[in-house]
Amino acid sequence: MTNDMMNIILFGPPGAGKGTQAKFLIEKFFIPQISTGDILRENRKKGTELGKEAEKYMESGELVPADLINRMVEKRLSQSDCESGFILDGYPRNTEQAIYLDDILKRLNRKLKAVISLVVDDEKLIKRLSGRRICKQCGISYHVIFNPSKQEGICDSCGGELYTRSDDQESTVKNRLRVYHEQTSTVIEFYRNKNILFEVDGNGSVDEVRSRILEVLK
């Protein structure tokens, strides 16, 4: 694959290292990472017509309609920095959006080259995420298994107390994983049936996972 063909969707559950791998792909192929959250913030910040429309829903506590998200994605993919490719993150979330994305790409005369799904066992993800500890004073991050502090519960740097963030609680992590699987299962199957889904083993070091992704993108 050449750079001008790097149209990628990247899936991965919380804790799978998707952000780290996306950053590498951005730097290697000079393509933008596009998420619906970023698109919403950018449109609101610039005060675009789409942004103003979305703001009405957000200010009233309502979800931004799928049709509006789709239009924002289409406008973003038509921008010049996407000419060499893009990494879609968090979109599509369902088969309706996946079908709409196909239509967008047809209109832009582009084609998806790879849908990469990082696969890591849930139990390992729970250990990764629920084992994180943060210093209340200086904010340094530790991990009870992979990067423990010298003294349990105490920061090596400033002596502050270490705590578990609410979204790192095991019950919360399990719920986040459940929601992820529920949201992505139908989309994963959609792309599997199109023969462009590549399930990449997300276990091992960052470099090992990176090599597996690059093997897919050769």
N, C-alpha and C. Protein backbone atom coordinates (compact mmCIF):
# COMPACT_ATOMS: atom_id res chain seq x y z
N MET A 1 0.83 -1.21 0.00
CA MET A 1 0.00 0.00 0.00
C MET A 1 0.86 1.25 0.00
N THR A 2 0.48 2.18 -0.82
CA THR A 2 1.19 3.45 -0.83
C THR A 2 0.47 4.45 0.06
N ASN A 3 1.14 5.56 0.38
CA ASN A 3 0.56 6.55 1.29
C ASN A 3 -0.79 7.06 0.83
N ASP A 4 -0.96 7.24 -0.50
CA ASP A 4 -2.20 7.82 -0.98
C ASP A 4 -3.37 6.85 -0.91
N MET A 5 -3.14 5.66 -0.37
CA MET A 5 -4.20 4.66 -0.26
C MET A 5 -4.48 4.30 1.20
N MET A 6 -3.94 5.05 2.12
CA MET A 6 -4.05 4.70 3.54
C MET A 6 -5.35 5.20 4.17
N ASN A 7 -6.46 4.65 3.72
CA ASN A 7 -7.76 4.97 4.31
C ASN A 7 -8.09 3.85 5.30
N ILE A 8 -7.97 4.15 6.59
CA ILE A 8 -8.01 3.13 7.62
C ILE A 8 -9.09 3.41 8.66
N ILE A 9 -9.75 2.35 9.12
CA ILE A 9 -10.58 2.42 10.32
C ILE A 9 -9.84 1.63 11.39
N LEU A 10 -9.75 2.21 12.59
CA LEU A 10 -9.03 1.54 13.68
C LEU A 10 -9.99 1.33 14.84
N PHE A 11 -10.22 0.05 15.17
CA PHE A 11 -11.03 -0.32 16.32
C PHE A 11 -10.14 -0.87 17.42
N GLY A 12 -10.56 -0.69 18.65
CA GLY A 12 -9.83 -1.27 19.77
C GLY A 12 -10.54 -0.96 21.07
N PRO A 13 -10.69 -1.94 21.94
CA PRO A 13 -11.36 -1.70 23.22
C PRO A 13 -10.53 -0.81 24.13
N PRO A 14 -11.12 -0.25 25.19
CA PRO A 14 -10.36 0.55 26.15
C PRO A 14 -9.18 -0.25 26.69
N GLY A 15 -7.99 0.37 26.66
CA GLY A 15 -6.81 -0.29 27.20
C GLY A 15 -6.03 -1.12 26.21
N ALA A 16 -6.51 -1.20 24.96
CA ALA A 16 -5.84 -2.04 23.95
C ALA A 16 -4.63 -1.36 23.33
N GLY A 17 -4.44 -0.07 23.60
CA GLY A 17 -3.30 0.65 23.03
C GLY A 17 -3.59 1.30 21.70
N LYS A 18 -4.87 1.50 21.41
CA LYS A 18 -5.25 2.09 20.12
C LYS A 18 -4.66 3.48 19.93
N GLY A 19 -4.68 4.29 20.98
CA GLY A 19 -4.16 5.66 20.88
C GLY A 19 -2.68 5.68 20.54
N THR A 20 -1.92 4.80 21.16
CA THR A 20 -0.47 4.71 20.90
C THR A 20 -0.21 4.31 19.46
N GLN A 21 -0.94 3.31 18.98
CA GLN A 21 -0.73 2.83 17.61
C GLN A 21 -1.20 3.86 16.58
N ALA A 22 -2.29 4.57 16.89
CA ALA A 22 -2.78 5.61 15.98
C ALA A 22 -1.75 6.72 15.83
N LYS A 23 -1.13 7.11 16.94
CA LYS A 23 -0.11 8.16 16.90
C LYS A 23 1.05 7.76 15.99
N PHE A 24 1.46 6.50 16.07
CA PHE A 24 2.53 6.01 15.20
C PHE A 24 2.13 6.07 13.73
N LEU A 25 0.91 5.64 13.42
CA LEU A 25 0.45 5.64 12.03
C LEU A 25 0.33 7.05 11.46
N ILE A 26 -0.09 7.99 12.31
CA ILE A 26 -0.18 9.40 11.91
C ILE A 26 1.20 9.90 11.48
N GLU A 27 2.20 9.60 12.31
CA GLU A 27 3.55 10.10 12.04
C GLU A 27 4.21 9.38 10.88
N LYS A 28 3.92 8.10 10.71
CA LYS A 28 4.56 7.33 9.63
C LYS A 28 3.99 7.66 8.26
N PHE A 29 2.66 7.79 8.18
CA PHE A 29 2.02 7.97 6.88
C PHE A 29 1.52 9.39 6.62
N PHE A 30 1.73 10.30 7.60
CA PHE A 30 1.34 11.70 7.45
C PHE A 30 -0.15 11.84 7.12
N ILE A 31 -0.96 11.12 7.88
CA ILE A 31 -2.41 11.17 7.69
C ILE A 31 -3.07 11.55 9.02
N PRO A 32 -4.22 12.21 8.97
CA PRO A 32 -4.87 12.65 10.20
C PRO A 32 -5.68 11.54 10.86
N GLN A 33 -5.78 11.62 12.19
CA GLN A 33 -6.70 10.77 12.94
C GLN A 33 -7.99 11.54 13.13
N ILE A 34 -9.10 10.93 12.79
CA ILE A 34 -10.38 11.64 12.80
C ILE A 34 -11.35 10.93 13.74
N SER A 35 -11.81 11.65 14.75
CA SER A 35 -12.82 11.11 15.65
C SER A 35 -14.01 12.06 15.67
N THR A 36 -15.18 11.51 15.94
CA THR A 36 -16.39 12.35 15.94
C THR A 36 -16.32 13.41 17.04
N GLY A 37 -15.69 13.06 18.17
CA GLY A 37 -15.54 14.04 19.25
C GLY A 37 -14.74 15.24 18.81
N ASP A 38 -13.62 14.99 18.12
CA ASP A 38 -12.78 16.08 17.61
C ASP A 38 -13.53 16.92 16.58
N ILE A 39 -14.29 16.25 15.71
CA ILE A 39 -15.05 16.97 14.68
C ILE A 39 -16.08 17.89 15.31
N LEU A 40 -16.79 17.38 16.31
CA LEU A 40 -17.79 18.19 17.01
C LEU A 40 -17.16 19.42 17.66
N ARG A 41 -16.05 19.20 18.37
CA ARG A 41 -15.37 20.32 19.05
C ARG A 41 -14.88 21.36 18.04
N GLU A 42 -14.33 20.89 16.94
CA GLU A 42 -13.79 21.80 15.93
C GLU A 42 -14.90 22.64 15.28
N ASN A 43 -16.01 22.00 14.97
CA ASN A 43 -17.12 22.73 14.34
C ASN A 43 -17.74 23.74 15.30
N ARG A 44 -17.83 23.38 16.57
CA ARG A 44 -18.37 24.33 17.56
C ARG A 44 -17.41 25.50 17.75
N LYS A 45 -16.12 25.19 17.81
CA LYS A 45 -15.11 26.23 18.01
C LYS A 45 -15.11 27.23 16.86
N LYS A 46 -15.24 26.72 15.63
CA LYS A 46 -15.21 27.58 14.45
C LYS A 46 -16.55 28.23 14.16
N GLY A 47 -17.60 27.77 14.86
CA GLY A 47 -18.92 28.33 14.65
C GLY A 47 -19.50 28.04 13.29
N THR A 48 -19.20 26.85 12.74
CA THR A 48 -19.74 26.48 11.43
C THR A 48 -21.25 26.25 11.55
N GLU A 49 -21.91 26.19 10.40
CA GLU A 49 -23.35 25.92 10.41
C GLU A 49 -23.64 24.57 11.07
N LEU A 50 -22.82 23.58 10.75
CA LEU A 50 -23.00 22.26 11.36
C LEU A 50 -22.74 22.32 12.86
N GLY A 51 -21.74 23.11 13.25
CA GLY A 51 -21.42 23.27 14.66
C GLY A 51 -22.54 23.92 15.44
N LYS A 52 -23.14 24.96 14.84
CA LYS A 52 -24.26 25.65 15.49
C LYS A 52 -25.46 24.73 15.64
N GLU A 53 -25.66 23.90 14.61
CA GLU A 53 -26.77 22.96 14.64
C GLU A 53 -26.56 21.92 15.76
N ALA A 54 -25.32 21.44 15.88
CA ALA A 54 -25.00 20.44 16.90
C ALA A 54 -25.11 21.04 18.30
N GLU A 55 -24.71 22.30 18.42
CA GLU A 55 -24.69 22.97 19.73
C GLU A 55 -26.08 23.03 20.35
N LYS A 56 -27.09 23.19 19.51
CA LYS A 56 -28.47 23.25 20.02
C LYS A 56 -28.81 21.96 20.78
N TYR A 57 -28.40 20.84 20.22
CA TYR A 57 -28.68 19.56 20.86
C TYR A 57 -27.82 19.37 22.12
N MET A 58 -26.55 19.73 22.02
CA MET A 58 -25.62 19.52 23.13
C MET A 58 -25.98 20.38 24.34
N GLU A 59 -26.42 21.62 24.08
CA GLU A 59 -26.78 22.52 25.18
C GLU A 59 -28.04 22.07 25.90
N SER A 60 -28.90 21.35 25.19
CA SER A 60 -30.13 20.86 25.82
C SER A 60 -29.96 19.45 26.38
N GLY A 61 -28.70 18.94 26.31
CA GLY A 61 -28.41 17.63 26.87
C GLY A 61 -28.83 16.47 26.00
N GLU A 62 -29.18 16.75 24.75
CA GLU A 62 -29.59 15.69 23.83
C GLU A 62 -28.40 15.17 23.04
N LEU A 63 -28.53 13.94 22.55
CA LEU A 63 -27.49 13.38 21.68
C LEU A 63 -27.56 14.07 20.32
N VAL A 64 -26.38 14.30 19.75
CA VAL A 64 -26.34 14.88 18.40
C VAL A 64 -26.84 13.81 17.42
N PRO A 65 -27.84 14.12 16.58
CA PRO A 65 -28.41 13.12 15.66
C PRO A 65 -27.36 12.51 14.74
N ALA A 66 -27.57 11.23 14.41
CA ALA A 66 -26.63 10.50 13.55
C ALA A 66 -26.45 11.19 12.20
N ASP A 67 -27.53 11.74 11.66
CA ASP A 67 -27.46 12.40 10.35
C ASP A 67 -26.49 13.58 10.38
N LEU A 68 -26.50 14.32 11.48
CA LEU A 68 -25.61 15.47 11.62
C LEU A 68 -24.15 15.02 11.75
N ILE A 69 -23.93 13.96 12.52
CA ILE A 69 -22.58 13.39 12.66
C ILE A 69 -22.08 12.94 11.29
N ASN A 70 -22.95 12.27 10.53
CA ASN A 70 -22.57 11.78 9.20
C ASN A 70 -22.14 12.93 8.29
N ARG A 71 -22.89 14.00 8.33
CA ARG A 71 -22.56 15.15 7.47
C ARG A 71 -21.23 15.79 7.88
N MET A 72 -20.98 15.83 9.20
CA MET A 72 -19.70 16.36 9.68
C MET A 72 -18.53 15.49 9.23
N VAL A 73 -18.72 14.18 9.29
CA VAL A 73 -17.67 13.25 8.86
C VAL A 73 -17.39 13.43 7.36
N GLU A 74 -18.46 13.55 6.58
CA GLU A 74 -18.28 13.72 5.14
C GLU A 74 -17.50 15.00 4.83
N LYS A 75 -17.85 16.08 5.49
CA LYS A 75 -17.14 17.35 5.26
C LYS A 75 -15.68 17.24 5.67
N ARG A 76 -15.44 16.54 6.79
CA ARG A 76 -14.05 16.40 7.27
C ARG A 76 -13.22 15.56 6.31
N LEU A 77 -13.78 14.47 5.79
CA LEU A 77 -13.03 13.60 4.89
C LEU A 77 -12.76 14.26 3.54
N SER A 78 -13.52 15.30 3.22
CA SER A 78 -13.31 15.99 1.94
C SER A 78 -12.23 17.07 2.02
N GLN A 79 -11.67 17.28 3.23
CA GLN A 79 -10.64 18.31 3.39
C GLN A 79 -9.29 17.82 2.85
N SER A 80 -8.44 18.78 2.52
CA SER A 80 -7.20 18.48 1.79
C SER A 80 -6.23 17.58 2.54
N ASP A 81 -6.22 17.66 3.89
CA ASP A 81 -5.25 16.84 4.63
C ASP A 81 -5.61 15.36 4.63
N CYS A 82 -6.80 15.02 4.09
CA CYS A 82 -7.20 13.62 4.00
C CYS A 82 -6.91 13.01 2.63
N GLU A 83 -6.29 13.79 1.75
CA GLU A 83 -6.05 13.31 0.39
C GLU A 83 -5.11 12.11 0.36
N SER A 84 -4.19 12.03 1.34
CA SER A 84 -3.26 10.90 1.39
C SER A 84 -3.79 9.74 2.23
N GLY A 85 -4.97 9.96 2.84
CA GLY A 85 -5.54 8.93 3.68
C GLY A 85 -5.99 9.49 5.00
N PHE A 86 -6.51 8.61 5.86
CA PHE A 86 -7.01 9.02 7.17
C PHE A 86 -7.12 7.80 8.07
N ILE A 87 -7.21 8.07 9.36
CA ILE A 87 -7.52 7.02 10.34
C ILE A 87 -8.83 7.42 11.01
N LEU A 88 -9.87 6.64 10.81
CA LEU A 88 -11.15 6.90 11.47
C LEU A 88 -11.16 6.20 12.83
N ASP A 89 -11.47 6.96 13.86
CA ASP A 89 -11.45 6.46 15.23
C ASP A 89 -12.82 6.74 15.88
N GLY A 90 -13.54 5.67 16.23
CA GLY A 90 -14.85 5.85 16.85
C GLY A 90 -15.98 6.05 15.86
N TYR A 91 -15.71 5.86 14.60
CA TYR A 91 -16.72 5.98 13.55
C TYR A 91 -16.33 5.01 12.43
N PRO A 92 -17.26 4.23 11.92
CA PRO A 92 -18.68 4.16 12.25
C PRO A 92 -18.94 3.37 13.53
N ARG A 93 -20.06 3.72 14.21
CA ARG A 93 -20.43 3.03 15.45
C ARG A 93 -21.51 1.96 15.22
N ASN A 94 -22.12 1.97 14.06
CA ASN A 94 -23.16 0.98 13.77
C ASN A 94 -23.19 0.74 12.27
N THR A 95 -23.99 -0.25 11.85
CA THR A 95 -23.99 -0.61 10.43
C THR A 95 -24.59 0.50 9.56
N GLU A 96 -25.54 1.28 10.12
CA GLU A 96 -26.12 2.38 9.35
C GLU A 96 -25.03 3.40 8.99
N GLN A 97 -24.16 3.73 9.97
CA GLN A 97 -23.06 4.65 9.70
C GLN A 97 -22.05 4.03 8.75
N ALA A 98 -21.83 2.72 8.86
CA ALA A 98 -20.89 2.04 7.97
C ALA A 98 -21.37 2.12 6.52
N ILE A 99 -22.67 1.93 6.33
CA ILE A 99 -23.25 2.03 4.99
C ILE A 99 -23.14 3.46 4.47
N TYR A 100 -23.39 4.44 5.35
CA TYR A 100 -23.28 5.84 4.96
C TYR A 100 -21.83 6.18 4.61
N LEU A 101 -20.89 5.62 5.37
CA LEU A 101 -19.47 5.87 5.07
C LEU A 101 -19.12 5.33 3.68
N ASP A 102 -19.65 4.17 3.33
CA ASP A 102 -19.43 3.65 1.98
C ASP A 102 -19.89 4.65 0.92
N ASP A 103 -21.05 5.26 1.18
CA ASP A 103 -21.59 6.26 0.24
C ASP A 103 -20.70 7.50 0.17
N ILE A 104 -20.21 7.94 1.33
CA ILE A 104 -19.30 9.09 1.37
C ILE A 104 -18.08 8.81 0.50
N LEU A 105 -17.47 7.65 0.72
CA LEU A 105 -16.23 7.31 0.01
C LEU A 105 -16.46 7.18 -1.49
N LYS A 106 -17.63 6.69 -1.88
CA LYS A 106 -17.95 6.61 -3.31
C LYS A 106 -18.03 8.01 -3.92
N ARG A 107 -18.68 8.92 -3.17
CA ARG A 107 -18.80 10.30 -3.66
C ARG A 107 -17.42 10.97 -3.77
N LEU A 108 -16.51 10.59 -2.86
CA LEU A 108 -15.16 11.18 -2.87
C LEU A 108 -14.19 10.37 -3.75
N ASN A 109 -14.72 9.32 -4.39
CA ASN A 109 -13.91 8.44 -5.23
C ASN A 109 -12.74 7.83 -4.44
N ARG A 110 -13.07 7.34 -3.25
CA ARG A 110 -12.06 6.70 -2.40
C ARG A 110 -12.56 5.34 -1.95
N LYS A 111 -11.66 4.59 -1.34
CA LYS A 111 -12.01 3.24 -0.93
C LYS A 111 -11.27 2.89 0.36
N LEU A 112 -11.96 2.22 1.26
CA LEU A 112 -11.29 1.75 2.47
C LEU A 112 -10.31 0.64 2.12
N LYS A 113 -9.11 0.73 2.68
CA LYS A 113 -8.11 -0.30 2.42
C LYS A 113 -7.99 -1.30 3.55
N ALA A 114 -8.27 -0.86 4.78
CA ALA A 114 -8.14 -1.78 5.90
C ALA A 114 -8.98 -1.32 7.08
N VAL A 115 -9.66 -2.27 7.69
CA VAL A 115 -10.33 -2.04 8.96
C VAL A 115 -9.59 -2.90 9.98
N ILE A 116 -8.86 -2.25 10.86
CA ILE A 116 -8.00 -2.95 11.80
C ILE A 116 -8.67 -2.98 13.18
N SER A 117 -8.81 -4.18 13.71
CA SER A 117 -9.40 -4.35 15.03
C SER A 117 -8.36 -4.97 15.96
N LEU A 118 -7.94 -4.20 16.97
CA LEU A 118 -6.99 -4.72 17.95
C LEU A 118 -7.74 -5.65 18.90
N VAL A 119 -7.23 -6.85 19.06
CA VAL A 119 -7.90 -7.87 19.87
C VAL A 119 -7.05 -8.19 21.10
N VAL A 120 -7.64 -7.95 22.27
CA VAL A 120 -6.99 -8.28 23.55
C VAL A 120 -8.05 -8.90 24.45
N ASP A 121 -7.68 -9.96 25.15
CA ASP A 121 -8.60 -10.64 26.06
C ASP A 121 -9.10 -9.66 27.13
N ASP A 122 -10.41 -9.71 27.40
CA ASP A 122 -11.01 -8.79 28.37
C ASP A 122 -10.33 -8.84 29.74
N GLU A 123 -9.98 -10.03 30.19
CA GLU A 123 -9.35 -10.15 31.52
C GLU A 123 -8.03 -9.39 31.57
N LYS A 124 -7.28 -9.44 30.48
CA LYS A 124 -6.01 -8.70 30.43
C LYS A 124 -6.27 -7.19 30.43
N LEU A 125 -7.31 -6.78 29.73
CA LEU A 125 -7.65 -5.35 29.69
C LEU A 125 -8.09 -4.86 31.07
N ILE A 126 -8.84 -5.69 31.78
CA ILE A 126 -9.28 -5.33 33.13
C ILE A 126 -8.07 -5.15 34.04
N LYS A 127 -7.09 -6.04 33.91
CA LYS A 127 -5.87 -5.92 34.71
C LYS A 127 -5.10 -4.65 34.36
N ARG A 128 -5.02 -4.37 33.05
CA ARG A 128 -4.30 -3.18 32.59
C ARG A 128 -4.93 -1.91 33.15
N LEU A 129 -6.25 -1.82 33.02
CA LEU A 129 -6.93 -0.57 33.36
C LEU A 129 -7.20 -0.42 34.84
N SER A 130 -7.61 -1.50 35.50
CA SER A 130 -7.96 -1.38 36.92
C SER A 130 -6.72 -1.33 37.81
N GLY A 131 -5.56 -1.64 37.24
CA GLY A 131 -4.33 -1.61 38.03
C GLY A 131 -3.63 -0.26 38.02
N ARG A 132 -4.19 0.71 37.32
CA ARG A 132 -3.56 2.03 37.24
C ARG A 132 -3.77 2.80 38.55
N ARG A 133 -2.73 3.49 38.98
CA ARG A 133 -2.80 4.33 40.18
C ARG A 133 -2.20 5.69 39.85
N ILE A 134 -2.84 6.76 40.34
CA ILE A 134 -2.42 8.13 40.05
C ILE A 134 -2.07 8.83 41.35
N CYS A 135 -0.99 9.63 41.31
CA CYS A 135 -0.62 10.41 42.49
C CYS A 135 -1.54 11.62 42.64
N LYS A 136 -2.11 11.79 43.82
CA LYS A 136 -3.02 12.91 44.07
C LYS A 136 -2.31 14.26 44.00
N GLN A 137 -1.01 14.26 44.29
CA GLN A 137 -0.27 15.54 44.35
C GLN A 137 0.33 15.93 43.00
N CYS A 138 1.11 15.02 42.41
CA CYS A 138 1.84 15.41 41.18
C CYS A 138 1.28 14.81 39.90
N GLY A 139 0.34 13.85 40.03
CA GLY A 139 -0.33 13.30 38.85
C GLY A 139 0.42 12.20 38.12
N ILE A 140 1.58 11.78 38.64
CA ILE A 140 2.33 10.70 37.99
C ILE A 140 1.52 9.41 38.04
N SER A 141 1.59 8.64 36.94
CA SER A 141 0.82 7.40 36.82
C SER A 141 1.69 6.18 37.10
N TYR A 142 1.13 5.23 37.85
CA TYR A 142 1.80 3.96 38.13
C TYR A 142 0.86 2.83 37.75
N HIS A 143 1.37 1.60 37.83
CA HIS A 143 0.54 0.43 37.62
C HIS A 143 0.98 -0.65 38.59
N VAL A 144 0.02 -1.27 39.26
CA VAL A 144 0.36 -2.22 40.33
C VAL A 144 1.12 -3.43 39.81
N ILE A 145 0.97 -3.76 38.51
CA ILE A 145 1.68 -4.91 37.93
C ILE A 145 2.85 -4.47 37.06
N PHE A 146 2.59 -3.54 36.13
CA PHE A 146 3.58 -3.20 35.11
C PHE A 146 4.55 -2.10 35.51
N ASN A 147 4.11 -1.23 36.42
CA ASN A 147 4.98 -0.12 36.84
C ASN A 147 4.65 0.29 38.27
N PRO A 148 4.90 -0.62 39.24
CA PRO A 148 4.50 -0.32 40.63
C PRO A 148 5.41 0.71 41.28
N SER A 149 4.87 1.43 42.24
CA SER A 149 5.70 2.34 43.05
C SER A 149 6.53 1.49 44.01
N LYS A 150 7.63 2.05 44.50
CA LYS A 150 8.52 1.30 45.40
C LYS A 150 7.79 0.96 46.70
N GLN A 151 6.99 1.90 47.19
CA GLN A 151 6.20 1.66 48.39
C GLN A 151 4.73 1.70 48.01
N GLU A 152 4.01 0.65 48.32
CA GLU A 152 2.62 0.55 47.91
C GLU A 152 1.79 1.75 48.37
N GLY A 153 1.11 2.36 47.40
CA GLY A 153 0.22 3.47 47.72
C GLY A 153 0.90 4.82 47.87
N ILE A 154 2.24 4.86 47.67
CA ILE A 154 2.98 6.11 47.86
C ILE A 154 3.76 6.44 46.59
N CYS A 155 3.69 7.68 46.16
CA CYS A 155 4.40 8.13 44.95
C CYS A 155 5.90 8.17 45.18
N ASP A 156 6.68 7.61 44.26
CA ASP A 156 8.14 7.62 44.35
C ASP A 156 8.69 9.03 44.26
N SER A 157 8.01 9.87 43.48
CA SER A 157 8.53 11.20 43.17
C SER A 157 8.31 12.21 44.29
N CYS A 158 7.06 12.29 44.79
CA CYS A 158 6.75 13.35 45.76
C CYS A 158 6.23 12.84 47.10
N GLY A 159 6.03 11.52 47.21
CA GLY A 159 5.52 10.97 48.46
C GLY A 159 4.02 11.12 48.64
N GLY A 160 3.35 11.56 47.57
CA GLY A 160 1.90 11.74 47.65
C GLY A 160 1.15 10.41 47.65
N GLU A 161 -0.11 10.49 48.00
CA GLU A 161 -0.95 9.29 48.05
C GLU A 161 -1.40 8.89 46.64
N LEU A 162 -1.35 7.59 46.35
CA LEU A 162 -1.82 7.08 45.07
C LEU A 162 -3.28 6.65 45.19
N TYR A 163 -4.05 6.92 44.14
CA TYR A 163 -5.46 6.54 44.17
C TYR A 163 -5.89 5.95 42.83
N THR A 164 -7.05 5.29 42.83
CA THR A 164 -7.63 4.72 41.62
C THR A 164 -8.72 5.65 41.11
N ARG A 165 -8.59 6.10 39.86
CA ARG A 165 -9.62 6.96 39.29
C ARG A 165 -10.93 6.20 39.17
N SER A 166 -12.04 6.92 39.21
CA SER A 166 -13.35 6.27 39.17
C SER A 166 -13.55 5.45 37.90
N ASP A 167 -13.02 5.95 36.75
CA ASP A 167 -13.20 5.19 35.51
C ASP A 167 -12.23 4.03 35.38
N ASP A 168 -11.32 3.86 36.38
CA ASP A 168 -10.42 2.71 36.41
C ASP A 168 -10.89 1.64 37.39
N GLN A 169 -12.01 1.88 38.09
CA GLN A 169 -12.55 0.86 38.98
C GLN A 169 -12.93 -0.36 38.15
N GLU A 170 -12.70 -1.54 38.72
CA GLU A 170 -12.92 -2.77 37.95
C GLU A 170 -14.33 -2.87 37.40
N SER A 171 -15.34 -2.51 38.20
CA SER A 171 -16.73 -2.59 37.74
C SER A 171 -16.97 -1.64 36.57
N THR A 172 -16.35 -0.45 36.64
CA THR A 172 -16.49 0.53 35.56
C THR A 172 -15.81 0.05 34.30
N VAL A 173 -14.62 -0.53 34.47
CA VAL A 173 -13.87 -1.06 33.32
C VAL A 173 -14.66 -2.15 32.63
N LYS A 174 -15.24 -3.05 33.40
CA LYS A 174 -16.05 -4.14 32.83
C LYS A 174 -17.22 -3.59 32.04
N ASN A 175 -17.84 -2.55 32.56
CA ASN A 175 -18.98 -1.94 31.87
C ASN A 175 -18.54 -1.26 30.58
N ARG A 176 -17.39 -0.58 30.62
CA ARG A 176 -16.86 0.08 29.41
C ARG A 176 -16.58 -0.96 28.32
N LEU A 177 -16.03 -2.11 28.72
CA LEU A 177 -15.74 -3.17 27.75
C LEU A 177 -17.03 -3.76 27.18
N ARG A 178 -18.03 -3.95 28.04
CA ARG A 178 -19.31 -4.48 27.60
C ARG A 178 -19.95 -3.55 26.56
N VAL A 179 -19.95 -2.26 26.85
CA VAL A 179 -20.51 -1.27 25.93
C VAL A 179 -19.74 -1.28 24.60
N TYR A 180 -18.41 -1.36 24.68
CA TYR A 180 -17.59 -1.38 23.46
C TYR A 180 -17.97 -2.58 22.58
N HIS A 181 -18.04 -3.76 23.19
CA HIS A 181 -18.36 -4.96 22.41
C HIS A 181 -19.75 -4.89 21.81
N GLU A 182 -20.71 -4.36 22.58
CA GLU A 182 -22.08 -4.23 22.07
C GLU A 182 -22.14 -3.27 20.89
N GLN A 183 -21.41 -2.16 21.00
CA GLN A 183 -21.44 -1.14 19.95
C GLN A 183 -20.75 -1.60 18.67
N THR A 184 -19.65 -2.32 18.82
CA THR A 184 -18.83 -2.61 17.64
C THR A 184 -19.09 -3.96 16.99
N SER A 185 -19.78 -4.87 17.67
CA SER A 185 -19.91 -6.24 17.15
C SER A 185 -20.54 -6.27 15.75
N THR A 186 -21.62 -5.51 15.54
CA THR A 186 -22.28 -5.54 14.24
C THR A 186 -21.43 -4.87 13.15
N VAL A 187 -20.69 -3.83 13.54
CA VAL A 187 -19.83 -3.13 12.56
C VAL A 187 -18.66 -4.03 12.17
N ILE A 188 -18.10 -4.73 13.17
CA ILE A 188 -17.01 -5.67 12.90
C ILE A 188 -17.47 -6.73 11.90
N GLU A 189 -18.66 -7.26 12.11
CA GLU A 189 -19.20 -8.28 11.21
C GLU A 189 -19.46 -7.70 9.82
N PHE A 190 -19.92 -6.46 9.77
CA PHE A 190 -20.16 -5.79 8.49
C PHE A 190 -18.90 -5.78 7.65
N TYR A 191 -17.77 -5.39 8.27
CA TYR A 191 -16.51 -5.32 7.52
C TYR A 191 -15.87 -6.69 7.31
N ARG A 192 -16.16 -7.63 8.22
CA ARG A 192 -15.68 -8.99 8.01
C ARG A 192 -16.31 -9.56 6.73
N ASN A 193 -17.59 -9.30 6.56
CA ASN A 193 -18.30 -9.80 5.37
C ASN A 193 -17.81 -9.13 4.09
N LYS A 194 -17.21 -7.95 4.21
CA LYS A 194 -16.65 -7.26 3.05
C LYS A 194 -15.20 -7.65 2.79
N ASN A 195 -14.67 -8.52 3.66
CA ASN A 195 -13.29 -9.03 3.53
C ASN A 195 -12.21 -7.95 3.63
N ILE A 196 -12.50 -6.91 4.44
CA ILE A 196 -11.45 -5.90 4.66
C ILE A 196 -11.13 -5.75 6.15
N LEU A 197 -11.66 -6.68 6.96
CA LEU A 197 -11.37 -6.65 8.39
C LEU A 197 -10.11 -7.44 8.69
N PHE A 198 -9.21 -6.83 9.44
CA PHE A 198 -7.98 -7.50 9.89
C PHE A 198 -7.93 -7.45 11.40
N GLU A 199 -8.08 -8.60 12.04
CA GLU A 199 -8.01 -8.67 13.49
C GLU A 199 -6.55 -8.86 13.89
N VAL A 200 -6.02 -7.88 14.61
CA VAL A 200 -4.60 -7.85 14.97
C VAL A 200 -4.45 -8.16 16.46
N ASP A 201 -3.60 -9.10 16.77
CA ASP A 201 -3.32 -9.45 18.16
C ASP A 201 -2.73 -8.24 18.88
N GLY A 202 -3.45 -7.75 19.88
CA GLY A 202 -3.00 -6.57 20.62
C GLY A 202 -2.18 -6.90 21.85
N ASN A 203 -1.83 -8.18 22.03
CA ASN A 203 -1.00 -8.58 23.17
C ASN A 203 0.48 -8.41 22.82
N GLY A 204 1.29 -8.20 23.83
CA GLY A 204 2.72 -8.02 23.61
C GLY A 204 3.14 -6.57 23.74
N SER A 205 4.37 -6.29 23.36
CA SER A 205 4.91 -4.93 23.48
C SER A 205 4.31 -4.03 22.41
N VAL A 206 4.48 -2.73 22.61
CA VAL A 206 4.02 -1.74 21.63
C VAL A 206 4.63 -2.02 20.26
N ASP A 207 5.94 -2.32 20.24
CA ASP A 207 6.64 -2.58 18.98
C ASP A 207 6.12 -3.84 18.29
N GLU A 208 5.80 -4.86 19.07
CA GLU A 208 5.29 -6.11 18.49
C GLU A 208 3.94 -5.87 17.82
N VAL A 209 3.06 -5.14 18.50
CA VAL A 209 1.74 -4.85 17.94
C VAL A 209 1.89 -3.96 16.71
N ARG A 210 2.80 -3.01 16.78
CA ARG A 210 3.05 -2.10 15.66
C ARG A 210 3.50 -2.89 14.43
N SER A 211 4.36 -3.86 14.63
CA SER A 211 4.86 -4.68 13.51
C SER A 211 3.72 -5.47 12.86
N ARG A 212 2.80 -5.95 13.68
CA ARG A 212 1.65 -6.70 13.14
C ARG A 212 0.76 -5.79 12.30
N ILE A 213 0.57 -4.56 12.76
CA ILE A 213 -0.26 -3.61 12.01
C ILE A 213 0.41 -3.28 10.66
N LEU A 214 1.72 -3.03 10.71
CA LEU A 214 2.44 -2.70 9.47
C LEU A 214 2.42 -3.86 8.47
N GLU A 215 2.42 -5.08 8.99
CA GLU A 215 2.35 -6.25 8.12
C GLU A 215 1.02 -6.25 7.37
N VAL A 216 -0.05 -5.86 8.05
CA VAL A 216 -1.36 -5.76 7.41
C VAL A 216 -1.35 -4.69 6.34
N LEU A 217 -0.66 -3.59 6.60
CA LEU A 217 -0.69 -2.42 5.70
C LEU A 217 0.33 -2.47 4.58
N LYS A 218 1.08 -3.56 4.48
CA LYS A 218 2.08 -3.65 3.41
C LYS A 218 1.40 -3.68 2.04
